Amino acid sequence: MRAVLHLGTYKTGTSSLQNMLHANRDLLRENGVLYPTSGLKIEPKLGIRHSPLIFGFMSGKQKIFPDALAKEITESGCETVIFSAEPWSAPMHQSQLTRFTCALEEAGFDDIQGIVLFRNLADYHVSHYREFTVNQKNAAPYRDYVRRPVGLFDYLFLLQTYRGLFGNGLRCLPYDQISDSCAAVFDSLGLRDLFDKLQPTPKANVKKLDALDIEAIRCSNALKLEHDAGLAALAQLRQENTDFNDSAWTEQSAGAVMPTSASYQKRFKTLSGWSADWIDTLFTNPHQNARNVSEVTDRLMGRLT
């Protein structure tokens, strides 16, 4: 049997893939592919994912391989089982991932594969920060957020861990080089014909918020207010300062993100098997000629208090 663990990272089309897998679970099962309902967190907005398998074990509330999951897999008769959970791309969850992989071996899986997508590191910093500010009530400013927890944005650390666990069974996909991450995942598994039969689902977790919107939401989080309060305060500032709408804004600031050395990038290239051009795309942080959102933080906080 084959087990496929879709590991993330965050903001690489994971929610859309998870929702597609769940919506087409009957058709998948008919074709020998199981997307287990055991251990799923049902949140279509954020992705119907297997994060409870991680957090349930870490909290001590369930076994690493729950009985209900084992029963569902056995009864399905499927040769391929797919799991998907972005928290596996966080360093603090690597121990659970290791134990879960071992549990799969003990359950009879003789082919255990991992799939991870990496996107431009600078974009990932911002996207991750925005995701957790909007959906997880992050209140830390960008500069502090991207420096904690240690290793959260350390691509080489993750890749070394994954390669150690999955060996040649690891599929490392370049998010910035593909047009459809869902199709790319199925392609990497040799299931493109099956993918073409699936019912499309809308893209999930797509936000139409700019840097100033996110800063307004972060300020409201810091004061334990509803997001609408921060956005309303920002709307007033936009009316009073028309240049806000004529300017490009960013959360990024010089020195906020630890740079990657040539040796770091070389090691990543060796482990990923990517081309030099792909590595350049992954680690390039283009200069952004934009105003920093910290310019408006005090005024937002003043209005909110």
C-alpha atoms as a PDB file:
ATOM      1  CA  MET A   1       0.000   0.000   0.000  1.00  0.00           C
ATOM      2  CA  ARG A   2       1.044   3.560  -0.653  1.00  0.00           C
ATOM      3  CA  ALA A   3       0.646   6.423   1.825  1.00  0.00           C
ATOM      4  CA  VAL A   4       1.068   9.987   0.566  1.00  0.00           C
ATOM      5  CA  LEU A   5       1.591  12.789   3.057  1.00  0.00           C
ATOM      6  CA  HIS A   6       0.975  16.236   1.590  1.00  0.00           C
ATOM      7  CA  LEU A   7       3.067  18.359   3.956  1.00  0.00           C
ATOM      8  CA  GLY A   8       2.405  21.945   2.835  1.00  0.00           C
ATOM      9  CA  THR A   9       3.878  24.459   2.974  1.00  0.00           C
ATOM     10  CA  TYR A  10       1.228  27.034   3.848  1.00  0.00           C
ATOM     11  CA  LYS A  11      -0.062  29.278   1.066  1.00  0.00           C
ATOM     12  CA  THR A  12       0.842  26.976  -1.813  1.00  0.00           C
ATOM     13  CA  GLY A  13      -2.665  25.979  -2.883  1.00  0.00           C
ATOM     14  CA  THR A  14      -3.057  23.542   0.007  1.00  0.00           C
ATOM     15  CA  SER A  15      -6.619  24.522   0.934  1.00  0.00           C
ATOM     16  CA  SER A  16      -7.811  24.177  -2.657  1.00  0.00           C
ATOM     17  CA  LEU A  17      -6.212  20.728  -2.951  1.00  0.00           C
ATOM     18  CA  GLN A  18      -7.718  19.572   0.341  1.00  0.00           C
ATOM     19  CA  ASN A  19     -11.200  20.714  -0.625  1.00  0.00           C
ATOM     20  CA  MET A  20     -10.909  19.056  -4.032  1.00  0.00           C
ATOM     21  CA  LEU A  21      -9.815  15.779  -2.456  1.00  0.00           C
ATOM     22  CA  HIS A  22     -12.682  15.879   0.017  1.00  0.00           C
ATOM     23  CA  ALA A  23     -15.322  16.879  -2.534  1.00  0.00           C
ATOM     24  CA  ASN A  24     -14.259  14.040  -4.836  1.00  0.00           C
ATOM     25  CA  ARG A  25     -13.636  11.428  -2.144  1.00  0.00           C
ATOM     26  CA  ASP A  26     -16.226   8.972  -3.521  1.00  0.00           C
ATOM     27  CA  LEU A  27     -14.803   9.081  -7.047  1.00  0.00           C
ATOM     28  CA  LEU A  28     -11.286   8.805  -5.657  1.00  0.00           C
ATOM     29  CA  ARG A  29     -12.244   5.786  -3.584  1.00  0.00           C
ATOM     30  CA  GLU A  30     -13.795   4.086  -6.602  1.00  0.00           C
ATOM     31  CA  ASN A  31     -10.399   4.476  -8.268  1.00  0.00           C
ATOM     32  CA  GLY A  32      -8.401   3.079  -5.361  1.00  0.00           C
ATOM     33  CA  VAL A  33      -7.458   6.367  -3.687  1.00  0.00           C
ATOM     34  CA  LEU A  34      -8.644   7.196  -0.152  1.00  0.00           C
ATOM     35  CA  TYR A  35      -8.762  10.660   1.372  1.00  0.00           C
ATOM     36  CA  PRO A  36      -9.679   9.576   4.920  1.00  0.00           C
ATOM     37  CA  THR A  37     -12.533  11.296   6.701  1.00  0.00           C
ATOM     38  CA  SER A  38     -11.120  10.134  10.035  1.00  0.00           C
ATOM     39  CA  GLY A  39      -9.021  12.883  11.556  1.00  0.00           C
ATOM     40  CA  LEU A  40     -10.338  15.639   9.283  1.00  0.00           C
ATOM     41  CA  LYS A  41     -10.978  19.227  10.328  1.00  0.00           C
ATOM     42  CA  ILE A  42     -13.963  20.432   8.292  1.00  0.00           C
ATOM     43  CA  GLU A  43     -13.297  24.074   7.476  1.00  0.00           C
ATOM     44  CA  PRO A  44     -13.866  24.629   3.737  1.00  0.00           C
ATOM     45  CA  LYS A  45     -12.706  28.241   4.012  1.00  0.00           C
ATOM     46  CA  LEU A  46      -9.281  27.152   5.298  1.00  0.00           C
ATOM     47  CA  GLY A  47      -9.164  23.651   3.844  1.00  0.00           C
ATOM     48  CA  ILE A  48     -10.610  20.272   4.874  1.00  0.00           C
ATOM     49  CA  ARG A  49      -7.387  18.908   6.320  1.00  0.00           C
ATOM     50  CA  HIS A  50      -5.932  16.281   8.651  1.00  0.00           C
ATOM     51  CA  SER A  51      -4.518  18.654  11.260  1.00  0.00           C
ATOM     52  CA  PRO A  52      -6.423  16.882  14.121  1.00  0.00           C
ATOM     53  CA  LEU A  53      -4.118  13.905  13.584  1.00  0.00           C
ATOM     54  CA  ILE A  54      -1.275  16.201  14.610  1.00  0.00           C
ATOM     55  CA  PHE A  55      -2.823  18.210  17.394  1.00  0.00           C
ATOM     56  CA  GLY A  56      -4.822  15.337  18.886  1.00  0.00           C
ATOM     57  CA  PHE A  57      -1.654  13.340  19.426  1.00  0.00           C
ATOM     58  CA  MET A  58       0.374  16.309  20.656  1.00  0.00           C
ATOM     59  CA  SER A  59      -2.303  17.134  23.221  1.00  0.00           C
ATOM     60  CA  GLY A  60      -2.298  13.551  24.505  1.00  0.00           C
ATOM     61  CA  LYS A  61      -5.944  13.022  23.581  1.00  0.00           C
ATOM     62  CA  GLN A  62      -5.471  10.332  20.926  1.00  0.00           C
ATOM     63  CA  LYS A  63      -3.038   7.740  19.622  1.00  0.00           C
ATOM     64  CA  ILE A  64      -0.600   8.576  16.859  1.00  0.00           C
ATOM     65  CA  PHE A  65      -2.640   6.287  14.579  1.00  0.00           C
ATOM     66  CA  PRO A  66      -6.274   6.335  15.792  1.00  0.00           C
ATOM     67  CA  ASP A  67      -8.335   3.161  15.628  1.00  0.00           C
ATOM     68  CA  ALA A  68     -11.034   4.851  13.543  1.00  0.00           C
ATOM     69  CA  LEU A  69      -8.441   5.778  10.926  1.00  0.00           C
ATOM     70  CA  ALA A  70      -7.021   2.253  10.827  1.00  0.00           C
ATOM     71  CA  LYS A  71     -10.525   0.818  10.400  1.00  0.00           C
ATOM     72  CA  GLU A  72     -11.427   3.238   7.592  1.00  0.00           C
ATOM     73  CA  ILE A  73      -8.245   2.397   5.682  1.00  0.00           C
ATOM     74  CA  THR A  74      -8.754  -1.342   6.034  1.00  0.00           C
ATOM     75  CA  GLU A  75     -12.414  -1.211   4.976  1.00  0.00           C
ATOM     76  CA  SER A  76     -11.709   1.004   1.975  1.00  0.00           C
ATOM     77  CA  GLY A  77      -9.532  -1.567   0.234  1.00  0.00           C
ATOM     78  CA  CYS A  78      -7.657   1.331  -1.421  1.00  0.00           C
ATOM     79  CA  GLU A  79      -4.039   0.969  -2.437  1.00  0.00           C
ATOM     80  CA  THR A  80      -3.258   4.682  -2.069  1.00  0.00           C
ATOM     81  CA  VAL A  81      -4.142   6.808   0.968  1.00  0.00           C
ATOM     82  CA  ILE A  82      -3.579  10.578   0.903  1.00  0.00           C
ATOM     83  CA  PHE A  83      -3.216  12.754   3.996  1.00  0.00           C
ATOM     84  CA  SER A  84      -2.877  16.533   3.908  1.00  0.00           C
ATOM     85  CA  ALA A  85      -1.944  18.879   6.745  1.00  0.00           C
ATOM     86  CA  GLU A  86       0.067  22.108   6.476  1.00  0.00           C
ATOM     87  CA  PRO A  87       1.198  22.010  10.140  1.00  0.00           C
ATOM     88  CA  TRP A  88       3.646  19.302   9.068  1.00  0.00           C
ATOM     89  CA  SER A  89       5.637  22.174   7.556  1.00  0.00           C
ATOM     90  CA  ALA A  90       6.262  23.704  11.000  1.00  0.00           C
ATOM     91  CA  PRO A  91       9.428  22.637  12.863  1.00  0.00           C
ATOM     92  CA  MET A  92       7.606  22.010  16.143  1.00  0.00           C
ATOM     93  CA  HIS A  93       5.548  19.253  14.489  1.00  0.00           C
ATOM     94  CA  GLN A  94       8.398  17.215  13.000  1.00  0.00           C
ATOM     95  CA  SER A  95       8.409  14.777  15.929  1.00  0.00           C
ATOM     96  CA  GLN A  96       4.750  13.923  15.349  1.00  0.00           C
ATOM     97  CA  LEU A  97       5.433  13.547  11.620  1.00  0.00           C
ATOM     98  CA  THR A  98       8.280  11.116  12.343  1.00  0.00           C
ATOM     99  CA  ARG A  99       6.136   9.019  14.665  1.00  0.00           C
ATOM    100  CA  PHE A 100       3.172   9.066  12.287  1.00  0.00           C
ATOM    101  CA  THR A 101       5.386   7.889   9.434  1.00  0.00           C
ATOM    102  CA  CYS A 102       6.630   5.016  11.592  1.00  0.00           C
ATOM    103  CA  ALA A 103       3.035   4.160  12.526  1.00  0.00           C
ATOM    104  CA  LEU A 104       2.170   3.941   8.830  1.00  0.00           C
ATOM    105  CA  GLU A 105       4.983   1.432   8.339  1.00  0.00           C
ATOM    106  CA  GLU A 106       3.687  -0.660  11.220  1.00  0.00           C
ATOM    107  CA  ALA A 107       0.181  -0.493   9.710  1.00  0.00           C
ATOM    108  CA  GLY A 108       1.465  -2.209   6.568  1.00  0.00           C
ATOM    109  CA  PHE A 109       2.325   0.649   4.223  1.00  0.00           C
ATOM    110  CA  ASP A 110       5.404  -0.338   2.242  1.00  0.00           C
ATOM    111  CA  ASP A 111       5.530   2.833   0.109  1.00  0.00           C
ATOM    112  CA  ILE A 112       5.404   6.088   2.081  1.00  0.00           C
ATOM    113  CA  GLN A 113       5.797   9.300   0.119  1.00  0.00           C
ATOM    114  CA  GLY A 114       5.887  12.967   1.028  1.00  0.00           C
ATOM    115  CA  ILE A 115       4.931  15.948  -1.104  1.00  0.00           C
ATOM    116  CA  VAL A 116       5.984  19.493  -0.274  1.00  0.00           C
ATOM    117  CA  LEU A 117       5.680  22.707  -2.255  1.00  0.00           C
ATOM    118  CA  PHE A 118       8.074  25.598  -1.704  1.00  0.00           C
ATOM    119  CA  ARG A 119       7.279  29.125  -2.906  1.00  0.00           C
ATOM    120  CA  ASN A 120       9.490  32.200  -3.112  1.00  0.00           C
ATOM    121  CA  LEU A 121      10.753  32.664   0.432  1.00  0.00           C
ATOM    122  CA  ALA A 122      10.036  36.389   0.630  1.00  0.00           C
ATOM    123  CA  ASP A 123       6.475  35.843  -0.615  1.00  0.00           C
ATOM    124  CA  TYR A 124       6.055  33.011   1.870  1.00  0.00           C
ATOM    125  CA  HIS A 125       7.023  35.270   4.768  1.00  0.00           C
ATOM    126  CA  VAL A 126       4.346  37.788   3.842  1.00  0.00           C
ATOM    127  CA  SER A 127       1.663  35.245   2.917  1.00  0.00           C
ATOM    128  CA  HIS A 128       2.160  33.252   6.124  1.00  0.00           C
ATOM    129  CA  TYR A 129       2.078  36.429   8.205  1.00  0.00           C
ATOM    130  CA  ARG A 130      -1.123  37.614   6.534  1.00  0.00           C
ATOM    131  CA  GLU A 131      -2.786  34.192   6.830  1.00  0.00           C
ATOM    132  CA  PHE A 132      -2.163  33.944  10.555  1.00  0.00           C
ATOM    133  CA  THR A 133      -3.054  37.584  11.172  1.00  0.00           C
ATOM    134  CA  VAL A 134      -6.450  37.169   9.530  1.00  0.00           C
ATOM    135  CA  ASN A 135      -7.359  33.631  10.600  1.00  0.00           C
ATOM    136  CA  GLN A 136      -5.336  32.967  13.758  1.00  0.00           C
ATOM    137  CA  LYS A 137      -5.466  36.416  15.391  1.00  0.00           C
ATOM    138  CA  ASN A 138      -1.757  37.129  15.201  1.00  0.00           C
ATOM    139  CA  ALA A 139      -0.995  40.446  16.914  1.00  0.00           C
ATOM    140  CA  ALA A 140       2.784  40.555  16.447  1.00  0.00           C
ATOM    141  CA  PRO A 141       4.131  43.067  13.906  1.00  0.00           C
ATOM    142  CA  TYR A 142       5.702  41.599  10.785  1.00  0.00           C
ATOM    143  CA  ARG A 143       9.298  42.148  11.892  1.00  0.00           C
ATOM    144  CA  ASP A 144       8.726  40.149  15.090  1.00  0.00           C
ATOM    145  CA  TYR A 145       6.510  37.526  13.464  1.00  0.00           C
ATOM    146  CA  VAL A 146       9.015  36.404  10.827  1.00  0.00           C
ATOM    147  CA  ARG A 147      11.680  35.845  13.500  1.00  0.00           C
ATOM    148  CA  ARG A 148       9.580  33.419  15.548  1.00  0.00           C
ATOM    149  CA  PRO A 149       9.222  30.589  16.178  1.00  0.00           C
ATOM    150  CA  VAL A 150      12.752  29.606  15.318  1.00  0.00           C
ATOM    151  CA  GLY A 151      12.912  27.633  12.095  1.00  0.00           C
ATOM    152  CA  LEU A 152       9.415  28.376  10.850  1.00  0.00           C
ATOM    153  CA  PHE A 153      10.783  29.800   7.611  1.00  0.00           C
ATOM    154  CA  ASP A 154      13.868  27.606   7.409  1.00  0.00           C
ATOM    155  CA  TYR A 155      13.377  25.774   4.122  1.00  0.00           C
ATOM    156  CA  LEU A 156      16.643  23.848   4.345  1.00  0.00           C
ATOM    157  CA  PHE A 157      15.814  22.517   7.800  1.00  0.00           C
ATOM    158  CA  LEU A 158      12.449  21.254   6.552  1.00  0.00           C
ATOM    159  CA  LEU A 159      13.925  19.719   3.417  1.00  0.00           C
ATOM    160  CA  GLN A 160      16.636  17.912   5.382  1.00  0.00           C
ATOM    161  CA  THR A 161      14.002  16.476   7.727  1.00  0.00           C
ATOM    162  CA  TYR A 162      11.727  15.380   4.902  1.00  0.00           C
ATOM    163  CA  ARG A 163      14.541  13.812   2.893  1.00  0.00           C
ATOM    164  CA  GLY A 164      15.601  11.882   5.971  1.00  0.00           C
ATOM    165  CA  LEU A 165      12.064  10.566   6.493  1.00  0.00           C
ATOM    166  CA  PHE A 166      11.000   9.846   2.933  1.00  0.00           C
ATOM    167  CA  GLY A 167      14.275   9.416   1.042  1.00  0.00           C
ATOM    168  CA  ASN A 168      13.607   9.097  -2.678  1.00  0.00           C
ATOM    169  CA  GLY A 169       9.900   9.051  -1.870  1.00  0.00           C
ATOM    170  CA  LEU A 170       9.914  12.835  -1.374  1.00  0.00           C
ATOM    171  CA  ARG A 171       8.407  14.987  -4.116  1.00  0.00           C
ATOM    172  CA  CYS A 172       9.669  18.555  -3.807  1.00  0.00           C
ATOM    173  CA  LEU A 173       7.609  20.853  -6.063  1.00  0.00           C
ATOM    174  CA  PRO A 174       8.457  24.463  -7.050  1.00  0.00           C
ATOM    175  CA  TYR A 175       5.275  26.467  -6.478  1.00  0.00           C
ATOM    176  CA  ASP A 176       6.489  29.436  -8.516  1.00  0.00           C
ATOM    177  CA  GLN A 177       7.133  27.267 -11.582  1.00  0.00           C
ATOM    178  CA  ILE A 178       3.716  25.611 -11.841  1.00  0.00           C
ATOM    179  CA  SER A 179       0.376  26.992 -12.970  1.00  0.00           C
ATOM    180  CA  ASP A 180      -1.898  24.600 -11.056  1.00  0.00           C
ATOM    181  CA  SER A 181      -0.636  23.175  -7.774  1.00  0.00           C
ATOM    182  CA  CYS A 182      -3.489  20.637  -7.566  1.00  0.00           C
ATOM    183  CA  ALA A 183      -2.659  19.224 -10.988  1.00  0.00           C
ATOM    184  CA  ALA A 184       1.051  19.229 -10.135  1.00  0.00           C
ATOM    185  CA  VAL A 185       0.454  17.109  -7.032  1.00  0.00           C
ATOM    186  CA  PHE A 186      -1.534  14.530  -8.999  1.00  0.00           C
ATOM    187  CA  ASP A 187       1.083  14.556 -11.760  1.00  0.00           C
ATOM    188  CA  SER A 188       3.810  13.843  -9.227  1.00  0.00           C
ATOM    189  CA  LEU A 189       1.830  10.810  -8.015  1.00  0.00           C
ATOM    190  CA  GLY A 190       1.247   9.436 -11.510  1.00  0.00           C
ATOM    191  CA  LEU A 191      -2.482  10.145 -11.204  1.00  0.00           C
ATOM    192  CA  ARG A 192      -3.029  12.778 -13.892  1.00  0.00           C
ATOM    193  CA  ASP A 193      -5.665  10.692 -15.688  1.00  0.00           C
ATOM    194  CA  LEU A 194      -7.639  10.489 -12.456  1.00  0.00           C
ATOM    195  CA  PHE A 195      -7.234  14.211 -11.813  1.00  0.00           C
ATOM    196  CA  ASP A 196      -8.853  14.981 -15.171  1.00  0.00           C
ATOM    197  CA  LYS A 197     -11.974  13.115 -13.991  1.00  0.00           C
ATOM    198  CA  LEU A 198     -12.389  15.103 -10.779  1.00  0.00           C
ATOM    199  CA  GLN A 199     -15.045  17.723 -10.256  1.00  0.00           C
ATOM    200  CA  PRO A 200     -13.348  21.135  -9.978  1.00  0.00           C
ATOM    201  CA  THR A 201     -13.845  23.081  -6.758  1.00  0.00           C
ATOM    202  CA  PRO A 202     -13.491  26.824  -6.182  1.00  0.00           C
ATOM    203  CA  LYS A 203     -10.142  28.131  -5.006  1.00  0.00           C
ATOM    204  CA  ALA A 204     -10.114  28.329  -1.226  1.00  0.00           C
ATOM    205  CA  ASN A 205      -8.648  30.789   1.258  1.00  0.00           C
ATOM    206  CA  VAL A 206      -8.074  33.551  -1.293  1.00  0.00           C
ATOM    207  CA  LYS A 207      -7.835  36.980   0.312  1.00  0.00           C
ATOM    208  CA  LYS A 208      -8.265  40.342  -1.382  1.00  0.00           C
ATOM    209  CA  LEU A 209      -6.518  42.301   1.341  1.00  0.00           C
ATOM    210  CA  ASP A 210      -3.520  44.569   0.925  1.00  0.00           C
ATOM    211  CA  ALA A 211      -0.732  45.378   3.363  1.00  0.00           C
ATOM    212  CA  LEU A 212      -2.651  48.242   5.003  1.00  0.00           C
ATOM    213  CA  ASP A 213      -5.740  46.060   5.473  1.00  0.00           C
ATOM    214  CA  ILE A 214      -3.611  43.443   7.216  1.00  0.00           C
ATOM    215  CA  GLU A 215      -2.036  46.054   9.480  1.00  0.00           C
ATOM    216  CA  ALA A 216      -5.498  47.317  10.434  1.00  0.00           C
ATOM    217  CA  ILE A 217      -6.576  43.760  11.276  1.00  0.00           C
ATOM    218  CA  ARG A 218      -3.398  43.170  13.273  1.00  0.00           C
ATOM    219  CA  CYS A 219      -4.032  46.303  15.321  1.00  0.00           C
ATOM    220  CA  SER A 220      -7.577  45.153  16.046  1.00  0.00           C
ATOM    221  CA  ASN A 221      -6.187  41.747  17.098  1.00  0.00           C
ATOM    222  CA  ALA A 222      -3.776  43.439  19.497  1.00  0.00           C
ATOM    223  CA  LEU A 223      -6.686  45.263  21.123  1.00  0.00           C
ATOM    224  CA  LYS A 224      -8.956  42.168  21.012  1.00  0.00           C
ATOM    225  CA  LEU A 225     -11.417  43.927  18.736  1.00  0.00           C
ATOM    226  CA  GLU A 226     -13.321  42.650  15.720  1.00  0.00           C
ATOM    227  CA  HIS A 227     -11.558  42.982  12.386  1.00  0.00           C
ATOM    228  CA  ASP A 228     -14.273  45.312  11.118  1.00  0.00           C
ATOM    229  CA  ALA A 229     -13.223  47.864  13.714  1.00  0.00           C
ATOM    230  CA  GLY A 230      -9.684  47.999  12.352  1.00  0.00           C
ATOM    231  CA  LEU A 231     -10.854  48.131   8.748  1.00  0.00           C
ATOM    232  CA  ALA A 232     -13.287  50.938   9.586  1.00  0.00           C
ATOM    233  CA  ALA A 233     -10.491  52.943  11.220  1.00  0.00           C
ATOM    234  CA  LEU A 234      -8.348  52.395   8.130  1.00  0.00           C
ATOM    235  CA  ALA A 235     -11.185  53.526   5.851  1.00  0.00           C
ATOM    236  CA  GLN A 236     -11.346  56.823   7.747  1.00  0.00           C
ATOM    237  CA  LEU A 237      -7.600  57.301   7.394  1.00  0.00           C
ATOM    238  CA  ARG A 238      -7.813  56.593   3.675  1.00  0.00           C
ATOM    239  CA  GLN A 239     -10.471  59.300   3.301  1.00  0.00           C
ATOM    240  CA  GLU A 240      -8.357  61.832   5.164  1.00  0.00           C
ATOM    241  CA  ASN A 241      -5.110  60.869   3.423  1.00  0.00           C
ATOM    242  CA  THR A 242      -5.757  60.394  -0.270  1.00  0.00           C
ATOM    243  CA  ASP A 243      -2.083  59.629  -0.883  1.00  0.00           C
ATOM    244  CA  PHE A 244      -2.631  56.321   0.929  1.00  0.00           C
ATOM    245  CA  ASN A 245      -4.502  55.054  -2.101  1.00  0.00           C
ATOM    246  CA  ASP A 246      -1.826  56.278  -4.510  1.00  0.00           C
ATOM    247  CA  SER A 247       1.025  54.519  -2.712  1.00  0.00           C
ATOM    248  CA  ALA A 248       2.269  50.943  -2.712  1.00  0.00           C
ATOM    249  CA  TRP A 249       2.568  49.519   0.804  1.00  0.00           C
ATOM    250  CA  THR A 250       4.496  46.621   2.290  1.00  0.00           C
ATOM    251  CA  GLU A 251       5.077  44.905   5.623  1.00  0.00           C
ATOM    252  CA  GLN A 252       8.640  44.034   4.687  1.00  0.00           C
ATOM    253  CA  SER A 253      11.540  45.983   6.152  1.00  0.00           C
ATOM    254  CA  ALA A 254      15.290  45.754   5.735  1.00  0.00           C
ATOM    255  CA  GLY A 255      16.853  43.207   8.050  1.00  0.00           C
ATOM    256  CA  ALA A 256      13.567  41.662   9.125  1.00  0.00           C
ATOM    257  CA  VAL A 257      14.285  38.367   7.410  1.00  0.00           C
ATOM    258  CA  MET A 258      17.477  36.346   7.860  1.00  0.00           C
ATOM    259  CA  PRO A 259      19.270  36.102   4.493  1.00  0.00           C
ATOM    260  CA  THR A 260      20.273  32.750   3.000  1.00  0.00           C
ATOM    261  CA  SER A 261      23.932  32.169   2.187  1.00  0.00           C
ATOM    262  CA  ALA A 262      25.368  30.649  -0.992  1.00  0.00           C
ATOM    263  CA  SER A 263      26.196  27.478   0.953  1.00  0.00           C
ATOM    264  CA  TYR A 264      22.622  27.278   2.273  1.00  0.00           C
ATOM    265  CA  GLN A 265      21.224  27.580  -1.242  1.00  0.00           C
ATOM    266  CA  LYS A 266      23.706  25.016  -2.584  1.00  0.00           C
ATOM    267  CA  ARG A 267      22.616  22.472   0.012  1.00  0.00           C
ATOM    268  CA  PHE A 268      18.962  23.121  -0.789  1.00  0.00           C
ATOM    269  CA  LYS A 269      19.698  22.622  -4.496  1.00  0.00           C
ATOM    270  CA  THR A 270      21.418  19.301  -3.813  1.00  0.00           C
ATOM    271  CA  LEU A 271      18.581  17.947  -1.671  1.00  0.00           C
ATOM    272  CA  SER A 272      15.770  19.225  -3.888  1.00  0.00           C
ATOM    273  CA  GLY A 273      17.278  18.382  -7.243  1.00  0.00           C
ATOM    274  CA  TRP A 274      16.111  21.735  -8.583  1.00  0.00           C
ATOM    275  CA  SER A 275      17.792  23.742 -11.315  1.00  0.00           C
ATOM    276  CA  ALA A 276      19.899  26.813 -10.558  1.00  0.00           C
ATOM    277  CA  ASP A 277      17.174  29.041 -12.057  1.00  0.00           C
ATOM    278  CA  TRP A 278      14.554  27.567  -9.749  1.00  0.00           C
ATOM    279  CA  ILE A 279      16.808  28.132  -6.754  1.00  0.00           C
ATOM    280  CA  ASP A 280      17.348  31.757  -7.771  1.00  0.00           C
ATOM    281  CA  THR A 281      13.583  32.256  -8.014  1.00  0.00           C
ATOM    282  CA  LEU A 282      13.042  30.646  -4.628  1.00  0.00           C
ATOM    283  CA  PHE A 283      15.504  32.772  -2.694  1.00  0.00           C
ATOM    284  CA  THR A 284      15.461  36.099  -4.532  1.00  0.00           C
ATOM    285  CA  ASN A 285      14.001  38.914  -2.447  1.00  0.00           C
ATOM    286  CA  PRO A 286      13.430  41.752  -4.916  1.00  0.00           C
ATOM    287  CA  HIS A 287      13.685  45.266  -3.544  1.00  0.00           C
ATOM    288  CA  GLN A 288      10.247  46.730  -2.950  1.00  0.00           C
ATOM    289  CA  ASN A 289       9.980  50.468  -3.463  1.00  0.00           C
ATOM    290  CA  ALA A 290       7.020  50.829  -1.144  1.00  0.00           C
ATOM    291  CA  ARG A 291       5.987  52.556   2.065  1.00  0.00           C
ATOM    292  CA  ASN A 292       6.075  50.499   5.224  1.00  0.00           C
ATOM    293  CA  VAL A 293       2.803  49.962   7.065  1.00  0.00           C
ATOM    294  CA  SER A 294       4.449  51.005  10.326  1.00  0.00           C
ATOM    295  CA  GLU A 295       3.839  54.585   9.154  1.00  0.00           C
ATOM    296  CA  VAL A 296       0.162  54.248   9.988  1.00  0.00           C
ATOM    297  CA  THR A 297       0.288  51.937  13.033  1.00  0.00           C
ATOM    298  CA  ASP A 298       0.140  54.681  15.668  1.00  0.00           C
ATOM    299  CA  ARG A 299      -2.713  56.444  13.915  1.00  0.00           C
ATOM    300  CA  LEU A 300      -4.676  53.205  13.628  1.00  0.00           C
ATOM    301  CA  MET A 301      -4.121  52.375  17.278  1.00  0.00           C
ATOM    302  CA  GLY A 302      -5.092  55.895  18.271  1.00  0.00           C
ATOM    303  CA  ARG A 303      -8.421  55.638  16.479  1.00  0.00           C
ATOM    304  CA  LEU A 304      -9.107  52.189  17.870  1.00  0.00           C
ATOM    305  CA  THR A 305      -8.476  53.254  21.466  1.00  0.00           C
END
